[in-house]
Amino acid sequence: MENFIRKRIDIATCWATNRISAMDTLERYEDSYAIAEEFREWILHIGEKNENLKDSVLNFPNELKKLLDPKIND
């Protein structure tokens, strides 16, 4: 389980830092700050609720998946 948690933290770290960078580039500083704060809380508390880890895993948005699937299959 420890390796799984470490992998999820690494993936989340990459996602969050890329998203924060994108928001900063777009000068959406409030969004950038919100992501930083939400990510900080996620990292600080991930080890406390291992049985609820599924709730903390980042998922690809279903709406975006439905939009992209037809384009990828063409």
PDB file of N, CA and C in Angstrom:
ATOM      1  N   MET A   1       0.826  -1.194   0.000  1.00  0.00           N
ATOM      2  CA  MET A   1       0.000   0.000   0.000  1.00  0.00           C
ATOM      3  C   MET A   1       0.869   1.256   0.000  1.00  0.00           C
ATOM      4  N   GLU A   2       2.032   1.201   0.645  1.00  0.00           N
ATOM      5  CA  GLU A   2       2.903   2.374   0.726  1.00  0.00           C
ATOM      6  C   GLU A   2       3.366   2.817  -0.660  1.00  0.00           C
ATOM      7  N   ASN A   3       3.721   1.861  -1.532  1.00  0.00           N
ATOM      8  CA  ASN A   3       4.137   2.212  -2.894  1.00  0.00           C
ATOM      9  C   ASN A   3       2.998   2.844  -3.672  1.00  0.00           C
ATOM     10  N   PHE A   4       1.786   2.334  -3.471  1.00  0.00           N
ATOM     11  CA  PHE A   4       0.615   2.898  -4.145  1.00  0.00           C
ATOM     12  C   PHE A   4       0.399   4.344  -3.718  1.00  0.00           C
ATOM     13  N   ILE A   5       0.484   4.601  -2.428  1.00  0.00           N
ATOM     14  CA  ILE A   5       0.314   5.962  -1.917  1.00  0.00           C
ATOM     15  C   ILE A   5       1.402   6.871  -2.460  1.00  0.00           C
ATOM     16  N   ARG A   6       2.636   6.411  -2.457  1.00  0.00           N
ATOM     17  CA  ARG A   6       3.746   7.219  -2.973  1.00  0.00           C
ATOM     18  C   ARG A   6       3.523   7.551  -4.445  1.00  0.00           C
ATOM     19  N   LYS A   7       3.060   6.573  -5.228  1.00  0.00           N
ATOM     20  CA  LYS A   7       2.805   6.810  -6.649  1.00  0.00           C
ATOM     21  C   LYS A   7       1.696   7.841  -6.828  1.00  0.00           C
ATOM     22  N   ARG A   8       0.637   7.737  -6.049  1.00  0.00           N
ATOM     23  CA  ARG A   8      -0.475   8.689  -6.153  1.00  0.00           C
ATOM     24  C   ARG A   8      -0.009  10.092  -5.778  1.00  0.00           C
ATOM     25  N   ILE A   9       0.830  10.197  -4.764  1.00  0.00           N
ATOM     26  CA  ILE A   9       1.355  11.505  -4.364  1.00  0.00           C
ATOM     27  C   ILE A   9       2.220  12.080  -5.472  1.00  0.00           C
ATOM     28  N   ASP A  10       3.063  11.256  -6.087  1.00  0.00           N
ATOM     29  CA  ASP A  10       3.904  11.730  -7.192  1.00  0.00           C
ATOM     30  C   ASP A  10       3.061  12.213  -8.366  1.00  0.00           C
ATOM     31  N   ILE A  11       2.038  11.456  -8.718  1.00  0.00           N
ATOM     32  CA  ILE A  11       1.157  11.851  -9.816  1.00  0.00           C
ATOM     33  C   ILE A  11       0.428  13.141  -9.474  1.00  0.00           C
ATOM     34  N   ALA A  12      -0.079  13.229  -8.261  1.00  0.00           N
ATOM     35  CA  ALA A  12      -0.800  14.431  -7.842  1.00  0.00           C
ATOM     36  C   ALA A  12       0.121  15.641  -7.805  1.00  0.00           C
ATOM     37  N   THR A  13       1.359  15.432  -7.394  1.00  0.00           N
ATOM     38  CA  THR A  13       2.323  16.532  -7.368  1.00  0.00           C
ATOM     39  C   THR A  13       2.549  17.075  -8.767  1.00  0.00           C
ATOM     40  N   CYS A  14       2.738  16.190  -9.731  1.00  0.00           N
ATOM     41  CA  CYS A  14       2.922  16.625 -11.127  1.00  0.00           C
ATOM     42  C   CYS A  14       1.686  17.340 -11.639  1.00  0.00           C
ATOM     43  N   TRP A  15       0.518  16.770 -11.382  1.00  0.00           N
ATOM     44  CA  TRP A  15      -0.724  17.385 -11.849  1.00  0.00           C
ATOM     45  C   TRP A  15      -0.882  18.778 -11.264  1.00  0.00           C
ATOM     46  N   ALA A  16      -0.727  18.885  -9.947  1.00  0.00           N
ATOM     47  CA  ALA A  16      -0.951  20.168  -9.277  1.00  0.00           C
ATOM     48  C   ALA A  16       0.050  21.221  -9.721  1.00  0.00           C
ATOM     49  N   THR A  17       1.311  20.865  -9.812  1.00  0.00           N
ATOM     50  CA  THR A  17       2.302  21.864 -10.206  1.00  0.00           C
ATOM     51  C   THR A  17       2.092  22.314 -11.648  1.00  0.00           C
ATOM     52  N   ASN A  18       1.720  21.397 -12.533  1.00  0.00           N
ATOM     53  CA  ASN A  18       1.425  21.784 -13.914  1.00  0.00           C
ATOM     54  C   ASN A  18       0.185  22.661 -13.989  1.00  0.00           C
ATOM     55  N   ARG A  19      -0.827  22.320 -13.228  1.00  0.00           N
ATOM     56  CA  ARG A  19      -2.071  23.110 -13.230  1.00  0.00           C
ATOM     57  C   ARG A  19      -1.821  24.499 -12.653  1.00  0.00           C
ATOM     58  N   ILE A  20      -1.073  24.580 -11.570  1.00  0.00           N
ATOM     59  CA  ILE A  20      -0.745  25.875 -10.964  1.00  0.00           C
ATOM     60  C   ILE A  20       0.038  26.725 -11.953  1.00  0.00           C
ATOM     61  N   SER A  21       0.988  26.119 -12.633  1.00  0.00           N
ATOM     62  CA  SER A  21       1.777  26.839 -13.631  1.00  0.00           C
ATOM     63  C   SER A  21       0.892  27.361 -14.760  1.00  0.00           C
ATOM     64  N   ALA A  22      -0.035  26.524 -15.221  1.00  0.00           N
ATOM     65  CA  ALA A  22      -0.947  26.949 -16.289  1.00  0.00           C
ATOM     66  C   ALA A  22      -1.828  28.105 -15.829  1.00  0.00           C
ATOM     67  N   MET A  23      -2.339  28.016 -14.611  1.00  0.00           N
ATOM     68  CA  MET A  23      -3.180  29.097 -14.088  1.00  0.00           C
ATOM     69  C   MET A  23      -2.378  30.390 -13.929  1.00  0.00           C
ATOM     70  N   ASP A  24      -1.143  30.281 -13.483  1.00  0.00           N
ATOM     71  CA  ASP A  24      -0.289  31.471 -13.360  1.00  0.00           C
ATOM     72  C   ASP A  24      -0.010  32.088 -14.726  1.00  0.00           C
ATOM     73  N   THR A  25       0.239  31.247 -15.721  1.00  0.00           N
ATOM     74  CA  THR A  25       0.489  31.743 -17.074  1.00  0.00           C
ATOM     75  C   THR A  25      -0.722  32.497 -17.612  1.00  0.00           C
ATOM     76  N   LEU A  26      -1.914  32.003 -17.293  1.00  0.00           N
ATOM     77  CA  LEU A  26      -3.149  32.655 -17.729  1.00  0.00           C
ATOM     78  C   LEU A  26      -3.543  33.820 -16.822  1.00  0.00           C
ATOM     79  N   GLU A  27      -2.695  34.106 -15.837  1.00  0.00           N
ATOM     80  CA  GLU A  27      -2.926  35.160 -14.847  1.00  0.00           C
ATOM     81  C   GLU A  27      -4.223  34.941 -14.069  1.00  0.00           C
ATOM     82  N   ARG A  28      -4.517  33.687 -13.809  1.00  0.00           N
ATOM     83  CA  ARG A  28      -5.675  33.323 -12.984  1.00  0.00           C
ATOM     84  C   ARG A  28      -5.141  32.950 -11.606  1.00  0.00           C
ATOM     85  N   TYR A  29      -4.687  33.963 -10.906  1.00  0.00           N
ATOM     86  CA  TYR A  29      -3.968  33.759  -9.652  1.00  0.00           C
ATOM     87  C   TYR A  29      -4.857  33.210  -8.540  1.00  0.00           C
ATOM     88  N   GLU A  30      -6.128  33.586  -8.521  1.00  0.00           N
ATOM     89  CA  GLU A  30      -7.027  33.047  -7.498  1.00  0.00           C
ATOM     90  C   GLU A  30      -7.209  31.542  -7.686  1.00  0.00           C
ATOM     91  N   ASP A  31      -7.359  31.112  -8.938  1.00  0.00           N
ATOM     92  CA  ASP A  31      -7.479  29.677  -9.217  1.00  0.00           C
ATOM     93  C   ASP A  31      -6.190  28.949  -8.845  1.00  0.00           C
ATOM     94  N   SER A  32      -5.078  29.564  -9.172  1.00  0.00           N
ATOM     95  CA  SER A  32      -3.778  28.982  -8.851  1.00  0.00           C
ATOM     96  C   SER A  32      -3.631  28.795  -7.340  1.00  0.00           C
ATOM     97  N   TYR A  33      -3.995  29.822  -6.592  1.00  0.00           N
ATOM     98  CA  TYR A  33      -3.905  29.759  -5.134  1.00  0.00           C
ATOM     99  C   TYR A  33      -4.843  28.680  -4.583  1.00  0.00           C
ATOM    100  N   ALA A  34      -6.057  28.610  -5.139  1.00  0.00           N
ATOM    101  CA  ALA A  34      -7.023  27.616  -4.665  1.00  0.00           C
ATOM    102  C   ALA A  34      -6.502  26.197  -4.885  1.00  0.00           C
ATOM    103  N   ILE A  35      -5.910  25.950  -6.040  1.00  0.00           N
ATOM    104  CA  ILE A  35      -5.350  24.622  -6.317  1.00  0.00           C
ATOM    105  C   ILE A  35      -4.211  24.322  -5.350  1.00  0.00           C
ATOM    106  N   ALA A  36      -3.364  25.308  -5.118  1.00  0.00           N
ATOM    107  CA  ALA A  36      -2.245  25.116  -4.191  1.00  0.00           C
ATOM    108  C   ALA A  36      -2.751  24.781  -2.791  1.00  0.00           C
ATOM    109  N   GLU A  37      -3.778  25.483  -2.346  1.00  0.00           N
ATOM    110  CA  GLU A  37      -4.319  25.221  -1.009  1.00  0.00           C
ATOM    111  C   GLU A  37      -5.001  23.857  -0.934  1.00  0.00           C
ATOM    112  N   GLU A  38      -5.778  23.515  -1.949  1.00  0.00           N
ATOM    113  CA  GLU A  38      -6.460  22.226  -1.948  1.00  0.00           C
ATOM    114  C   GLU A  38      -5.449  21.085  -2.005  1.00  0.00           C
ATOM    115  N   PHE A  39      -4.434  21.236  -2.825  1.00  0.00           N
ATOM    116  CA  PHE A  39      -3.406  20.216  -2.950  1.00  0.00           C
ATOM    117  C   PHE A  39      -2.644  20.059  -1.638  1.00  0.00           C
ATOM    118  N   ARG A  40      -2.351  21.160  -0.973  1.00  0.00           N
ATOM    119  CA  ARG A  40      -1.631  21.110   0.299  1.00  0.00           C
ATOM    120  C   ARG A  40      -2.419  20.289   1.311  1.00  0.00           C
ATOM    121  N   GLU A  41      -3.713  20.528   1.396  1.00  0.00           N
ATOM    122  CA  GLU A  41      -4.547  19.773   2.329  1.00  0.00           C
ATOM    123  C   GLU A  41      -4.585  18.291   1.952  1.00  0.00           C
ATOM    124  N   TRP A  42      -4.652  18.009   0.671  1.00  0.00           N
ATOM    125  CA  TRP A  42      -4.715  16.619   0.215  1.00  0.00           C
ATOM    126  C   TRP A  42      -3.466  15.872   0.634  1.00  0.00           C
ATOM    127  N   ILE A  43      -2.311  16.499   0.441  1.00  0.00           N
ATOM    128  CA  ILE A  43      -1.046  15.857   0.797  1.00  0.00           C
ATOM    129  C   ILE A  43      -0.911  15.703   2.306  1.00  0.00           C
ATOM    130  N   LEU A  44      -1.268  16.720   3.054  1.00  0.00           N
ATOM    131  CA  LEU A  44      -1.103  16.665   4.503  1.00  0.00           C
ATOM    132  C   LEU A  44      -1.956  15.582   5.153  1.00  0.00           C
ATOM    133  N   HIS A  45      -3.104  15.276   4.561  1.00  0.00           N
ATOM    134  CA  HIS A  45      -4.035  14.355   5.213  1.00  0.00           C
ATOM    135  C   HIS A  45      -4.164  12.998   4.531  1.00  0.00           C
ATOM    136  N   ILE A  46      -3.402  12.760   3.478  1.00  0.00           N
ATOM    137  CA  ILE A  46      -3.578  11.499   2.752  1.00  0.00           C
ATOM    138  C   ILE A  46      -3.245  10.282   3.610  1.00  0.00           C
ATOM    139  N   GLY A  47      -2.275  10.375   4.462  1.00  0.00           N
ATOM    140  CA  GLY A  47      -1.894   9.235   5.281  1.00  0.00           C
ATOM    141  C   GLY A  47      -2.852   8.930   6.411  1.00  0.00           C
ATOM    142  N   GLU A  48      -3.748   9.847   6.712  1.00  0.00           N
ATOM    143  CA  GLU A  48      -4.655   9.667   7.841  1.00  0.00           C
ATOM    144  C   GLU A  48      -5.845   8.778   7.522  1.00  0.00           C
ATOM    145  N   LYS A  49      -6.266   8.740   6.265  1.00  0.00           N
ATOM    146  CA  LYS A  49      -7.471   7.994   5.921  1.00  0.00           C
ATOM    147  C   LYS A  49      -7.181   7.026   4.783  1.00  0.00           C
ATOM    148  N   ASN A  50      -6.347   6.043   5.022  1.00  0.00           N
ATOM    149  CA  ASN A  50      -5.985   5.098   3.964  1.00  0.00           C
ATOM    150  C   ASN A  50      -7.188   4.335   3.428  1.00  0.00           C
ATOM    151  N   GLU A  51      -8.184   4.061   4.280  1.00  0.00           N
ATOM    152  CA  GLU A  51      -9.358   3.330   3.812  1.00  0.00           C
ATOM    153  C   GLU A  51     -10.196   4.175   2.855  1.00  0.00           C
ATOM    154  N   ASN A  52     -10.007   5.488   2.882  1.00  0.00           N
ATOM    155  CA  ASN A  52     -10.746   6.371   1.980  1.00  0.00           C
ATOM    156  C   ASN A  52      -9.857   6.913   0.868  1.00  0.00           C
ATOM    157  N   LEU A  53      -8.785   6.224   0.568  1.00  0.00           N
ATOM    158  CA  LEU A  53      -7.854   6.702  -0.446  1.00  0.00           C
ATOM    159  C   LEU A  53      -8.537   6.872  -1.799  1.00  0.00           C
ATOM    160  N   LYS A  54      -9.509   6.018  -2.094  1.00  0.00           N
ATOM    161  CA  LYS A  54     -10.217   6.101  -3.365  1.00  0.00           C
ATOM    162  C   LYS A  54     -10.835   7.491  -3.560  1.00  0.00           C
ATOM    163  N   ASP A  55     -11.271   8.127  -2.478  1.00  0.00           N
ATOM    164  CA  ASP A  55     -11.850   9.464  -2.560  1.00  0.00           C
ATOM    165  C   ASP A  55     -10.813  10.519  -2.904  1.00  0.00           C
ATOM    166  N   SER A  56      -9.545  10.224  -2.681  1.00  0.00           N
ATOM    167  CA  SER A  56      -8.479  11.194  -2.909  1.00  0.00           C
ATOM    168  C   SER A  56      -7.810  11.056  -4.268  1.00  0.00           C
ATOM    169  N   VAL A  57      -8.128   9.996  -4.988  1.00  0.00           N
ATOM    170  CA  VAL A  57      -7.474   9.746  -6.264  1.00  0.00           C
ATOM    171  C   VAL A  57      -8.038  10.686  -7.323  1.00  0.00           C
ATOM    172  N   LEU A  58      -7.138  11.266  -8.110  1.00  0.00           N
ATOM    173  CA  LEU A  58      -7.561  12.158  -9.182  1.00  0.00           C
ATOM    174  C   LEU A  58      -8.109  11.338 -10.346  1.00  0.00           C
ATOM    175  N   ASN A  59      -9.270  11.731 -10.819  1.00  0.00           N
ATOM    176  CA  ASN A  59      -9.889  11.039 -11.945  1.00  0.00           C
ATOM    177  C   ASN A  59     -10.025  11.974 -13.130  1.00  0.00           C
ATOM    178  N   PHE A  60      -9.939  11.402 -14.308  1.00  0.00           N
ATOM    179  CA  PHE A  60     -10.136  12.181 -15.528  1.00  0.00           C
ATOM    180  C   PHE A  60     -11.609  12.559 -15.609  1.00  0.00           C
ATOM    181  N   PRO A  61     -11.937  13.826 -15.859  1.00  0.00           N
ATOM    182  CA  PRO A  61     -13.348  14.248 -15.900  1.00  0.00           C
ATOM    183  C   PRO A  61     -14.137  13.486 -16.970  1.00  0.00           C
ATOM    184  N   ASN A  62     -15.286  12.939 -16.587  1.00  0.00           N
ATOM    185  CA  ASN A  62     -16.108  12.159 -17.510  1.00  0.00           C
ATOM    186  C   ASN A  62     -16.570  12.981 -18.708  1.00  0.00           C
ATOM    187  N   GLU A  63     -16.915  14.256 -18.471  1.00  0.00           N
ATOM    188  CA  GLU A  63     -17.397  15.100 -19.565  1.00  0.00           C
ATOM    189  C   GLU A  63     -16.314  15.252 -20.634  1.00  0.00           C
ATOM    190  N   LEU A  64     -15.092  15.456 -20.183  1.00  0.00           N
ATOM    191  CA  LEU A  64     -13.980  15.615 -21.111  1.00  0.00           C
ATOM    192  C   LEU A  64     -13.687  14.309 -21.840  1.00  0.00           C
ATOM    193  N   LYS A  65     -13.783  13.203 -21.124  1.00  0.00           N
ATOM    194  CA  LYS A  65     -13.561  11.891 -21.733  1.00  0.00           C
ATOM    195  C   LYS A  65     -14.582  11.649 -22.836  1.00  0.00           C
ATOM    196  N   LYS A  66     -15.855  11.957 -22.574  1.00  0.00           N
ATOM    197  CA  LYS A  66     -16.903  11.762 -23.579  1.00  0.00           C
ATOM    198  C   LYS A  66     -16.669  12.643 -24.800  1.00  0.00           C
ATOM    199  N   LEU A  67     -16.139  13.829 -24.578  1.00  0.00           N
ATOM    200  CA  LEU A  67     -15.863  14.747 -25.674  1.00  0.00           C
ATOM    201  C   LEU A  67     -14.665  14.283 -26.510  1.00  0.00           C
ATOM    202  N   LEU A  68     -13.643  13.770 -25.847  1.00  0.00           N
ATOM    203  CA  LEU A  68     -12.413  13.392 -26.542  1.00  0.00           C
ATOM    204  C   LEU A  68     -12.462  12.016 -27.199  1.00  0.00           C
ATOM    205  N   ASP A  69     -13.208  11.080 -26.632  1.00  0.00           N
ATOM    206  CA  ASP A  69     -13.248   9.717 -27.176  1.00  0.00           C
ATOM    207  C   ASP A  69     -13.611   9.667 -28.660  1.00  0.00           C
ATOM    208  N   PRO A  70     -14.670  10.351 -29.103  1.00  0.00           N
ATOM    209  CA  PRO A  70     -14.986  10.294 -30.541  1.00  0.00           C
ATOM    210  C   PRO A  70     -13.871  10.881 -31.412  1.00  0.00           C
ATOM    211  N   LYS A  71     -13.205  11.911 -30.930  1.00  0.00           N
ATOM    212  CA  LYS A  71     -12.135  12.534 -31.705  1.00  0.00           C
ATOM    213  C   LYS A  71     -10.922  11.615 -31.808  1.00  0.00           C
ATOM    214  N   ILE A  72     -10.647  10.878 -30.756  1.00  0.00           N
ATOM    215  CA  ILE A  72      -9.505   9.960 -30.750  1.00  0.00           C
ATOM    216  C   ILE A  72      -9.776   8.764 -31.656  1.00  0.00           C
ATOM    217  N   ASN A  73     -11.014   8.300 -31.656  1.00  0.00           N
ATOM    218  CA  ASN A  73     -11.373   7.114 -32.445  1.00  0.00           C
ATOM    219  C   ASN A  73     -11.502   7.403 -33.935  1.00  0.00           C
ATOM    220  N   ASP A  74     -11.581   8.673 -34.324  1.00  0.00           N
ATOM    221  CA  ASP A  74     -11.711   9.022 -35.750  1.00  0.00           C
ATOM    222  C   ASP A  74     -10.413   8.904 -36.486  1.00  0.00           C
TER     223      ASP A  74
END
